[in-house]
Amino acid sequence: MEVLTFEFPASTEKAKRAHVGVVGSGDLEILMEPSGDGRTHAKIQTSVAGFASTWKAVIERFLVHHPDAANIEINDFGATPGTVALRLQQAVEVSKS
């Protein structure tokens, strides 16, 4: 297991908590909640080591469209970048409902 942490500036506040996905073969779980410091904090626990730059790029791309101040926890079991982007978008939708 590899644990990655990233921090980014944010410009809006996250609406509320969200939980999407499940940890399983080729999938991932995302927990998202508002952060109290106006920044986005991402913690990724992944079963696939050596992809820190890919993870950072996926999170940065997501934050271009959703610059919310949030604590994001991702528990990954080999998901592709496309699946990660889909689950992040689902978390945003859940946080708005």
PDB file of N, CA and C in Angstrom:
ATOM      1  N   MET A   1       0.835  -1.184   0.000  1.00  0.00           N
ATOM      2  CA  MET A   1       0.000   0.000   0.000  1.00  0.00           C
ATOM      3  C   MET A   1       0.875   1.240   0.000  1.00  0.00           C
ATOM      4  N   GLU A   2       0.441   2.228  -0.753  1.00  0.00           N
ATOM      5  CA  GLU A   2       1.107   3.520  -0.775  1.00  0.00           C
ATOM      6  C   GLU A   2       0.106   4.580  -0.317  1.00  0.00           C
ATOM      7  N   VAL A   3       0.563   5.506   0.499  1.00  0.00           N
ATOM      8  CA  VAL A   3      -0.281   6.603   0.954  1.00  0.00           C
ATOM      9  C   VAL A   3       0.303   7.901   0.413  1.00  0.00           C
ATOM     10  N   LEU A   4      -0.525   8.651  -0.314  1.00  0.00           N
ATOM     11  CA  LEU A   4      -0.114   9.919  -0.907  1.00  0.00           C
ATOM     12  C   LEU A   4      -0.934  11.037  -0.287  1.00  0.00           C
ATOM     13  N   THR A   5      -0.326  12.177  -0.080  1.00  0.00           N
ATOM     14  CA  THR A   5      -1.069  13.337   0.414  1.00  0.00           C
ATOM     15  C   THR A   5      -0.705  14.546  -0.444  1.00  0.00           C
ATOM     16  N   PHE A   6      -1.730  15.321  -0.777  1.00  0.00           N
ATOM     17  CA  PHE A   6      -1.558  16.536  -1.563  1.00  0.00           C
ATOM     18  C   PHE A   6      -2.387  17.643  -0.934  1.00  0.00           C
ATOM     19  N   GLU A   7      -1.957  18.875  -1.141  1.00  0.00           N
ATOM     20  CA  GLU A   7      -2.704  20.028  -0.657  1.00  0.00           C
ATOM     21  C   GLU A   7      -2.732  21.072  -1.776  1.00  0.00           C
ATOM     22  N   PHE A   8      -3.917  21.687  -1.963  1.00  0.00           N
ATOM     23  CA  PHE A   8      -4.116  22.661  -3.023  1.00  0.00           C
ATOM     24  C   PHE A   8      -4.903  23.854  -2.504  1.00  0.00           C
ATOM     25  N   PRO A   9      -4.716  25.035  -3.104  1.00  0.00           N
ATOM     26  CA  PRO A   9      -5.570  26.170  -2.746  1.00  0.00           C
ATOM     27  C   PRO A   9      -6.985  25.921  -3.257  1.00  0.00           C
ATOM     28  N   ALA A  10      -7.963  26.544  -2.631  1.00  0.00           N
ATOM     29  CA  ALA A  10      -9.362  26.400  -3.041  1.00  0.00           C
ATOM     30  C   ALA A  10     -10.017  27.771  -3.047  1.00  0.00           C
ATOM     31  N   SER A  11     -11.110  27.904  -3.805  1.00  0.00           N
ATOM     32  CA  SER A  11     -11.774  29.206  -3.880  1.00  0.00           C
ATOM     33  C   SER A  11     -13.229  29.174  -3.435  1.00  0.00           C
ATOM     34  N   THR A  12     -13.798  27.994  -3.233  1.00  0.00           N
ATOM     35  CA  THR A  12     -15.186  27.895  -2.766  1.00  0.00           C
ATOM     36  C   THR A  12     -15.261  26.876  -1.640  1.00  0.00           C
ATOM     37  N   GLU A  13     -16.359  26.921  -0.888  1.00  0.00           N
ATOM     38  CA  GLU A  13     -16.566  25.975   0.202  1.00  0.00           C
ATOM     39  C   GLU A  13     -17.365  24.765  -0.282  1.00  0.00           C
ATOM     40  N   LYS A  14     -17.029  23.613   0.206  1.00  0.00           N
ATOM     41  CA  LYS A  14     -17.750  22.381  -0.113  1.00  0.00           C
ATOM     42  C   LYS A  14     -19.120  22.411   0.561  1.00  0.00           C
ATOM     43  N   ALA A  15     -20.128  21.912  -0.118  1.00  0.00           N
ATOM     44  CA  ALA A  15     -21.496  21.961   0.393  1.00  0.00           C
ATOM     45  C   ALA A  15     -21.700  21.093   1.631  1.00  0.00           C
ATOM     46  N   LYS A  16     -21.426  19.788   1.532  1.00  0.00           N
ATOM     47  CA  LYS A  16     -21.601  18.882   2.668  1.00  0.00           C
ATOM     48  C   LYS A  16     -20.821  17.600   2.416  1.00  0.00           C
ATOM     49  N   ARG A  17     -20.894  16.678   3.363  1.00  0.00           N
ATOM     50  CA  ARG A  17     -20.173  15.411   3.241  1.00  0.00           C
ATOM     51  C   ARG A  17     -20.733  14.550   2.104  1.00  0.00           C
ATOM     52  N   ALA A  18     -19.844  13.709   1.569  1.00  0.00           N
ATOM     53  CA  ALA A  18     -20.258  12.762   0.531  1.00  0.00           C
ATOM     54  C   ALA A  18     -19.429  11.488   0.670  1.00  0.00           C
ATOM     55  N   HIS A  19     -20.052  10.369   0.326  1.00  0.00           N
ATOM     56  CA  HIS A  19     -19.382   9.069   0.327  1.00  0.00           C
ATOM     57  C   HIS A  19     -19.880   8.318  -0.896  1.00  0.00           C
ATOM     58  N   VAL A  20     -18.948   7.943  -1.788  1.00  0.00           N
ATOM     59  CA  VAL A  20     -19.328   7.200  -2.987  1.00  0.00           C
ATOM     60  C   VAL A  20     -18.339   6.067  -3.223  1.00  0.00           C
ATOM     61  N   GLY A  21     -18.810   5.034  -3.898  1.00  0.00           N
ATOM     62  CA  GLY A  21     -17.966   3.920  -4.281  1.00  0.00           C
ATOM     63  C   GLY A  21     -17.705   2.946  -3.152  1.00  0.00           C
ATOM     64  N   VAL A  22     -17.029   1.875  -3.522  1.00  0.00           N
ATOM     65  CA  VAL A  22     -16.613   0.842  -2.575  1.00  0.00           C
ATOM     66  C   VAL A  22     -15.199   0.414  -2.930  1.00  0.00           C
ATOM     67  N   VAL A  23     -14.475  -0.028  -1.935  1.00  0.00           N
ATOM     68  CA  VAL A  23     -13.136  -0.538  -2.206  1.00  0.00           C
ATOM     69  C   VAL A  23     -13.294  -1.975  -2.671  1.00  0.00           C
ATOM     70  N   GLY A  24     -12.870  -2.239  -3.868  1.00  0.00           N
ATOM     71  CA  GLY A  24     -12.953  -3.576  -4.424  1.00  0.00           C
ATOM     72  C   GLY A  24     -12.080  -3.645  -5.653  1.00  0.00           C
ATOM     73  N   SER A  25     -11.928  -4.792  -6.212  1.00  0.00           N
ATOM     74  CA  SER A  25     -11.052  -4.990  -7.359  1.00  0.00           C
ATOM     75  C   SER A  25     -11.359  -3.993  -8.465  1.00  0.00           C
ATOM     76  N   GLY A  26     -10.398  -3.144  -8.773  1.00  0.00           N
ATOM     77  CA  GLY A  26     -10.541  -2.179  -9.853  1.00  0.00           C
ATOM     78  C   GLY A  26     -11.438  -1.010  -9.531  1.00  0.00           C
ATOM     79  N   ASP A  27     -11.757  -0.771  -8.288  1.00  0.00           N
ATOM     80  CA  ASP A  27     -12.645   0.330  -7.922  1.00  0.00           C
ATOM     81  C   ASP A  27     -12.042   1.121  -6.764  1.00  0.00           C
ATOM     82  N   LEU A  28     -12.791   2.095  -6.289  1.00  0.00           N
ATOM     83  CA  LEU A  28     -12.320   2.904  -5.183  1.00  0.00           C
ATOM     84  C   LEU A  28     -13.470   3.544  -4.442  1.00  0.00           C
ATOM     85  N   GLU A  29     -13.160   4.031  -3.255  1.00  0.00           N
ATOM     86  CA  GLU A  29     -14.110   4.701  -2.381  1.00  0.00           C
ATOM     87  C   GLU A  29     -13.606   6.126  -2.179  1.00  0.00           C
ATOM     88  N   ILE A  30     -14.541   7.084  -2.219  1.00  0.00           N
ATOM     89  CA  ILE A  30     -14.185   8.477  -1.960  1.00  0.00           C
ATOM     90  C   ILE A  30     -15.048   9.009  -0.828  1.00  0.00           C
ATOM     91  N   LEU A  31     -14.377   9.595   0.154  1.00  0.00           N
ATOM     92  CA  LEU A  31     -15.053  10.309   1.235  1.00  0.00           C
ATOM     93  C   LEU A  31     -14.639  11.771   1.095  1.00  0.00           C
ATOM     94  N   MET A  32     -15.624  12.665   1.070  1.00  0.00           N
ATOM     95  CA  MET A  32     -15.348  14.081   0.872  1.00  0.00           C
ATOM     96  C   MET A  32     -16.133  14.875   1.902  1.00  0.00           C
ATOM     97  N   GLU A  33     -15.478  15.850   2.522  1.00  0.00           N
ATOM     98  CA  GLU A  33     -16.142  16.711   3.498  1.00  0.00           C
ATOM     99  C   GLU A  33     -15.525  18.099   3.411  1.00  0.00           C
ATOM    100  N   PRO A  34     -16.245  19.109   3.899  1.00  0.00           N
ATOM    101  CA  PRO A  34     -15.689  20.462   3.878  1.00  0.00           C
ATOM    102  C   PRO A  34     -14.420  20.538   4.732  1.00  0.00           C
ATOM    103  N   SER A  35     -13.467  21.337   4.284  1.00  0.00           N
ATOM    104  CA  SER A  35     -12.288  21.597   5.121  1.00  0.00           C
ATOM    105  C   SER A  35     -12.476  22.964   5.754  1.00  0.00           C
ATOM    106  N   GLY A  36     -11.925  23.145   6.907  1.00  0.00           N
ATOM    107  CA  GLY A  36     -12.124  24.386   7.628  1.00  0.00           C
ATOM    108  C   GLY A  36     -11.076  25.447   7.359  1.00  0.00           C
ATOM    109  N   ASP A  37     -10.112  25.152   6.478  1.00  0.00           N
ATOM    110  CA  ASP A  37      -9.011  26.085   6.295  1.00  0.00           C
ATOM    111  C   ASP A  37      -8.926  26.708   4.902  1.00  0.00           C
ATOM    112  N   GLY A  38      -9.972  26.532   4.094  1.00  0.00           N
ATOM    113  CA  GLY A  38      -9.973  27.144   2.766  1.00  0.00           C
ATOM    114  C   GLY A  38      -9.038  26.491   1.771  1.00  0.00           C
ATOM    115  N   ARG A  39      -8.625  25.248   2.036  1.00  0.00           N
ATOM    116  CA  ARG A  39      -7.744  24.510   1.130  1.00  0.00           C
ATOM    117  C   ARG A  39      -8.336  23.128   0.861  1.00  0.00           C
ATOM    118  N   THR A  40      -7.846  22.510  -0.177  1.00  0.00           N
ATOM    119  CA  THR A  40      -8.235  21.139  -0.477  1.00  0.00           C
ATOM    120  C   THR A  40      -7.097  20.220  -0.070  1.00  0.00           C
ATOM    121  N   HIS A  41      -7.434  19.208   0.707  1.00  0.00           N
ATOM    122  CA  HIS A  41      -6.466  18.214   1.166  1.00  0.00           C
ATOM    123  C   HIS A  41      -6.895  16.868   0.590  1.00  0.00           C
ATOM    124  N   ALA A  42      -6.001  16.206  -0.106  1.00  0.00           N
ATOM    125  CA  ALA A  42      -6.313  14.897  -0.677  1.00  0.00           C
ATOM    126  C   ALA A  42      -5.372  13.859  -0.072  1.00  0.00           C
ATOM    127  N   LYS A  43      -5.969  12.795   0.458  1.00  0.00           N
ATOM    128  CA  LYS A  43      -5.199  11.667   0.983  1.00  0.00           C
ATOM    129  C   LYS A  43      -5.628  10.440   0.196  1.00  0.00           C
ATOM    130  N   ILE A  44      -4.672   9.803  -0.453  1.00  0.00           N
ATOM    131  CA  ILE A  44      -4.967   8.643  -1.281  1.00  0.00           C
ATOM    132  C   ILE A  44      -4.227   7.440  -0.726  1.00  0.00           C
ATOM    133  N   GLN A  45      -4.971   6.389  -0.445  1.00  0.00           N
ATOM    134  CA  GLN A  45      -4.379   5.118  -0.047  1.00  0.00           C
ATOM    135  C   GLN A  45      -4.627   4.166  -1.205  1.00  0.00           C
ATOM    136  N   THR A  46      -3.560   3.711  -1.843  1.00  0.00           N
ATOM    137  CA  THR A  46      -3.706   2.914  -3.049  1.00  0.00           C
ATOM    138  C   THR A  46      -2.914   1.616  -2.978  1.00  0.00           C
ATOM    139  N   SER A  47      -3.448   0.616  -3.629  1.00  0.00           N
ATOM    140  CA  SER A  47      -2.776  -0.680  -3.688  1.00  0.00           C
ATOM    141  C   SER A  47      -1.720  -0.716  -4.791  1.00  0.00           C
ATOM    142  N   VAL A  48      -1.673   0.330  -5.627  1.00  0.00           N
ATOM    143  CA  VAL A  48      -0.741   0.366  -6.755  1.00  0.00           C
ATOM    144  C   VAL A  48       0.287   1.471  -6.500  1.00  0.00           C
ATOM    145  N   ALA A  49       1.518   1.091  -6.268  1.00  0.00           N
ATOM    146  CA  ALA A  49       2.579   2.055  -5.951  1.00  0.00           C
ATOM    147  C   ALA A  49       3.198   2.632  -7.223  1.00  0.00           C
ATOM    148  N   GLY A  50       3.755   3.844  -7.081  1.00  0.00           N
ATOM    149  CA  GLY A  50       4.528   4.427  -8.170  1.00  0.00           C
ATOM    150  C   GLY A  50       3.773   5.363  -9.092  1.00  0.00           C
ATOM    151  N   PHE A  51       2.559   5.763  -8.735  1.00  0.00           N
ATOM    152  CA  PHE A  51       1.762   6.610  -9.615  1.00  0.00           C
ATOM    153  C   PHE A  51       1.412   7.960  -8.985  1.00  0.00           C
ATOM    154  N   ALA A  52       2.285   8.486  -8.139  1.00  0.00           N
ATOM    155  CA  ALA A  52       2.006   9.758  -7.462  1.00  0.00           C
ATOM    156  C   ALA A  52       1.753  10.886  -8.461  1.00  0.00           C
ATOM    157  N   SER A  53       2.533  10.970  -9.516  1.00  0.00           N
ATOM    158  CA  SER A  53       2.343  12.058 -10.488  1.00  0.00           C
ATOM    159  C   SER A  53       1.012  11.929 -11.216  1.00  0.00           C
ATOM    160  N   THR A  54       0.569  10.713 -11.477  1.00  0.00           N
ATOM    161  CA  THR A  54      -0.734  10.505 -12.121  1.00  0.00           C
ATOM    162  C   THR A  54      -1.853  10.920 -11.184  1.00  0.00           C
ATOM    163  N   TRP A  55      -1.753  10.512  -9.926  1.00  0.00           N
ATOM    164  CA  TRP A  55      -2.773  10.898  -8.949  1.00  0.00           C
ATOM    165  C   TRP A  55      -2.855  12.416  -8.817  1.00  0.00           C
ATOM    166  N   LYS A  56      -1.704  13.060  -8.730  1.00  0.00           N
ATOM    167  CA  LYS A  56      -1.686  14.515  -8.593  1.00  0.00           C
ATOM    168  C   LYS A  56      -2.344  15.171  -9.806  1.00  0.00           C
ATOM    169  N   ALA A  57      -2.053  14.699 -10.992  1.00  0.00           N
ATOM    170  CA  ALA A  57      -2.640  15.260 -12.212  1.00  0.00           C
ATOM    171  C   ALA A  57      -4.159  15.079 -12.241  1.00  0.00           C
ATOM    172  N   VAL A  58      -4.646  13.926 -11.823  1.00  0.00           N
ATOM    173  CA  VAL A  58      -6.097  13.676 -11.806  1.00  0.00           C
ATOM    174  C   VAL A  58      -6.785  14.618 -10.814  1.00  0.00           C
ATOM    175  N   ILE A  59      -6.221  14.784  -9.636  1.00  0.00           N
ATOM    176  CA  ILE A  59      -6.814  15.684  -8.635  1.00  0.00           C
ATOM    177  C   ILE A  59      -6.760  17.130  -9.126  1.00  0.00           C
ATOM    178  N   GLU A  60      -5.639  17.543  -9.691  1.00  0.00           N
ATOM    179  CA  GLU A  60      -5.529  18.915 -10.216  1.00  0.00           C
ATOM    180  C   GLU A  60      -6.552  19.176 -11.320  1.00  0.00           C
ATOM    181  N   ARG A  61      -6.734  18.227 -12.195  1.00  0.00           N
ATOM    182  CA  ARG A  61      -7.721  18.372 -13.277  1.00  0.00           C
ATOM    183  C   ARG A  61      -9.132  18.499 -12.702  1.00  0.00           C
ATOM    184  N   PHE A  62      -9.450  17.707 -11.702  1.00  0.00           N
ATOM    185  CA  PHE A  62     -10.746  17.780 -11.034  1.00  0.00           C
ATOM    186  C   PHE A  62     -10.955  19.156 -10.400  1.00  0.00           C
ATOM    187  N   LEU A  63      -9.918  19.686  -9.745  1.00  0.00           N
ATOM    188  CA  LEU A  63     -10.043  20.954  -9.043  1.00  0.00           C
ATOM    189  C   LEU A  63     -10.184  22.156  -9.974  1.00  0.00           C
ATOM    190  N   VAL A  64      -9.802  22.018 -11.219  1.00  0.00           N
ATOM    191  CA  VAL A  64     -10.031  23.096 -12.193  1.00  0.00           C
ATOM    192  C   VAL A  64     -11.523  23.379 -12.296  1.00  0.00           C
ATOM    193  N   HIS A  65     -12.338  22.343 -12.283  1.00  0.00           N
ATOM    194  CA  HIS A  65     -13.797  22.476 -12.413  1.00  0.00           C
ATOM    195  C   HIS A  65     -14.520  22.549 -11.073  1.00  0.00           C
ATOM    196  N   HIS A  66     -13.889  22.064 -10.020  1.00  0.00           N
ATOM    197  CA  HIS A  66     -14.519  22.024  -8.690  1.00  0.00           C
ATOM    198  C   HIS A  66     -13.502  22.482  -7.639  1.00  0.00           C
ATOM    199  N   PRO A  67     -13.238  23.783  -7.566  1.00  0.00           N
ATOM    200  CA  PRO A  67     -12.202  24.296  -6.649  1.00  0.00           C
ATOM    201  C   PRO A  67     -12.691  24.420  -5.206  1.00  0.00           C
ATOM    202  N   ASP A  68     -13.344  23.383  -4.719  1.00  0.00           N
ATOM    203  CA  ASP A  68     -13.940  23.401  -3.384  1.00  0.00           C
ATOM    204  C   ASP A  68     -12.899  23.119  -2.302  1.00  0.00           C
ATOM    205  N   ALA A  69     -13.028  23.839  -1.183  1.00  0.00           N
ATOM    206  CA  ALA A  69     -12.205  23.560  -0.015  1.00  0.00           C
ATOM    207  C   ALA A  69     -12.750  22.285   0.628  1.00  0.00           C
ATOM    208  N   ALA A  70     -12.000  21.212   0.505  1.00  0.00           N
ATOM    209  CA  ALA A  70     -12.503  19.924   0.966  1.00  0.00           C
ATOM    210  C   ALA A  70     -11.366  19.050   1.462  1.00  0.00           C
ATOM    211  N   ASN A  71     -11.735  18.133   2.340  1.00  0.00           N
ATOM    212  CA  ASN A  71     -10.863  17.023   2.708  1.00  0.00           C
ATOM    213  C   ASN A  71     -11.348  15.842   1.889  1.00  0.00           C
ATOM    214  N   ILE A  72     -10.488  15.316   1.047  1.00  0.00           N
ATOM    215  CA  ILE A  72     -10.842  14.197   0.178  1.00  0.00           C
ATOM    216  C   ILE A  72      -9.991  12.999   0.581  1.00  0.00           C
ATOM    217  N   GLU A  73     -10.656  11.912   0.894  1.00  0.00           N
ATOM    218  CA  GLU A  73      -9.958  10.669   1.211  1.00  0.00           C
ATOM    219  C   GLU A  73     -10.346   9.647   0.155  1.00  0.00           C
ATOM    220  N   ILE A  74      -9.342   9.076  -0.485  1.00  0.00           N
ATOM    221  CA  ILE A  74      -9.574   8.089  -1.538  1.00  0.00           C
ATOM    222  C   ILE A  74      -8.915   6.784  -1.123  1.00  0.00           C
ATOM    223  N   ASN A  75      -9.704   5.722  -1.117  1.00  0.00           N
ATOM    224  CA  ASN A  75      -9.210   4.377  -0.834  1.00  0.00           C
ATOM    225  C   ASN A  75      -9.321   3.593  -2.131  1.00  0.00           C
ATOM    226  N   ASP A  76      -8.174   3.329  -2.745  1.00  0.00           N
ATOM    227  CA  ASP A  76      -8.125   2.784  -4.105  1.00  0.00           C
ATOM    228  C   ASP A  76      -7.674   1.325  -4.124  1.00  0.00           C
ATOM    229  N   PHE A  77      -8.287   0.574  -5.036  1.00  0.00           N
ATOM    230  CA  PHE A  77      -7.873  -0.807  -5.256  1.00  0.00           C
ATOM    231  C   PHE A  77      -7.659  -1.036  -6.745  1.00  0.00           C
ATOM    232  N   GLY A  78      -6.826  -0.172  -7.354  1.00  0.00           N
ATOM    233  CA  GLY A  78      -6.450  -0.366  -8.751  1.00  0.00           C
ATOM    234  C   GLY A  78      -7.358   0.293  -9.763  1.00  0.00           C
ATOM    235  N   ALA A  79      -8.077   1.334  -9.389  1.00  0.00           N
ATOM    236  CA  ALA A  79      -8.975   2.013 -10.330  1.00  0.00           C
ATOM    237  C   ALA A  79      -8.176   2.788 -11.378  1.00  0.00           C
ATOM    238  N   THR A  80      -8.743   2.916 -12.555  1.00  0.00           N
ATOM    239  CA  THR A  80      -8.119   3.695 -13.618  1.00  0.00           C
ATOM    240  C   THR A  80      -8.378   5.181 -13.382  1.00  0.00           C
ATOM    241  N   PRO A  81      -7.591   6.068 -13.997  1.00  0.00           N
ATOM    242  CA  PRO A  81      -7.845   7.502 -13.856  1.00  0.00           C
ATOM    243  C   PRO A  81      -9.272   7.904 -14.258  1.00  0.00           C
ATOM    244  N   GLY A  82      -9.824   7.262 -15.254  1.00  0.00           N
ATOM    245  CA  GLY A  82     -11.202   7.551 -15.662  1.00  0.00           C
ATOM    246  C   GLY A  82     -12.207   7.222 -14.571  1.00  0.00           C
ATOM    247  N   THR A  83     -12.002   6.119 -13.900  1.00  0.00           N
ATOM    248  CA  THR A  83     -12.879   5.735 -12.793  1.00  0.00           C
ATOM    249  C   THR A  83     -12.730   6.718 -11.636  1.00  0.00           C
ATOM    250  N   VAL A  84     -11.518   7.146 -11.370  1.00  0.00           N
ATOM    251  CA  VAL A  84     -11.282   8.131 -10.309  1.00  0.00           C
ATOM    252  C   VAL A  84     -12.044   9.419 -10.620  1.00  0.00           C
ATOM    253  N   ALA A  85     -11.936   9.909 -11.855  1.00  0.00           N
ATOM    254  CA  ALA A  85     -12.628  11.139 -12.258  1.00  0.00           C
ATOM    255  C   ALA A  85     -14.141  10.981 -12.119  1.00  0.00           C
ATOM    256  N   LEU A  86     -14.669   9.830 -12.496  1.00  0.00           N
ATOM    257  CA  LEU A  86     -16.110   9.565 -12.378  1.00  0.00           C
ATOM    258  C   LEU A  86     -16.544   9.585 -10.913  1.00  0.00           C
ATOM    259  N   ARG A  87     -15.806   8.914 -10.054  1.00  0.00           N
ATOM    260  CA  ARG A  87     -16.158   8.874  -8.628  1.00  0.00           C
ATOM    261  C   ARG A  87     -16.042  10.265  -7.988  1.00  0.00           C
ATOM    262  N   LEU A  88     -15.048  11.047  -8.365  1.00  0.00           N
ATOM    263  CA  LEU A  88     -14.939  12.409  -7.841  1.00  0.00           C
ATOM    264  C   LEU A  88     -16.156  13.236  -8.248  1.00  0.00           C
ATOM    265  N   GLN A  89     -16.578  13.105  -9.499  1.00  0.00           N
ATOM    266  CA  GLN A  89     -17.770  13.831  -9.971  1.00  0.00           C
ATOM    267  C   GLN A  89     -19.012  13.365  -9.217  1.00  0.00           C
ATOM    268  N   GLN A  90     -19.122  12.068  -8.960  1.00  0.00           N
ATOM    269  CA  GLN A  90     -20.245  11.541  -8.198  1.00  0.00           C
ATOM    270  C   GLN A  90     -20.244  12.121  -6.781  1.00  0.00           C
ATOM    271  N   ALA A  91     -19.088  12.250  -6.177  1.00  0.00           N
ATOM    272  CA  ALA A  91     -19.010  12.826  -4.822  1.00  0.00           C
ATOM    273  C   ALA A  91     -19.495  14.266  -4.816  1.00  0.00           C
ATOM    274  N   VAL A  92     -19.151  15.025  -5.842  1.00  0.00           N
ATOM    275  CA  VAL A  92     -19.633  16.403  -5.943  1.00  0.00           C
ATOM    276  C   VAL A  92     -21.143  16.428  -6.035  1.00  0.00           C
ATOM    277  N   GLU A  93     -21.723  15.565  -6.855  1.00  0.00           N
ATOM    278  CA  GLU A  93     -23.182  15.512  -7.011  1.00  0.00           C
ATOM    279  C   GLU A  93     -23.860  15.140  -5.688  1.00  0.00           C
ATOM    280  N   VAL A  94     -23.298  14.161  -4.994  1.00  0.00           N
ATOM    281  CA  VAL A  94     -23.877  13.753  -3.708  1.00  0.00           C
ATOM    282  C   VAL A  94     -23.798  14.897  -2.701  1.00  0.00           C
ATOM    283  N   SER A  95     -22.705  15.650  -2.730  1.00  0.00           N
ATOM    284  CA  SER A  95     -22.547  16.740  -1.759  1.00  0.00           C
ATOM    285  C   SER A  95     -23.520  17.887  -1.996  1.00  0.00           C
ATOM    286  N   LYS A  96     -24.121  17.933  -3.174  1.00  0.00           N
ATOM    287  CA  LYS A  96     -25.077  18.995  -3.497  1.00  0.00           C
ATOM    288  C   LYS A  96     -26.505  18.590  -3.192  1.00  0.00           C
ATOM    289  N   SER A  97     -26.766  17.302  -3.006  1.00  0.00           N
ATOM    290  CA  SER A  97     -28.157  16.845  -2.795  1.00  0.00           C
ATOM    291  C   SER A  97     -28.570  16.915  -1.348  1.00  0.00           C
TER     292      SER A  97
END
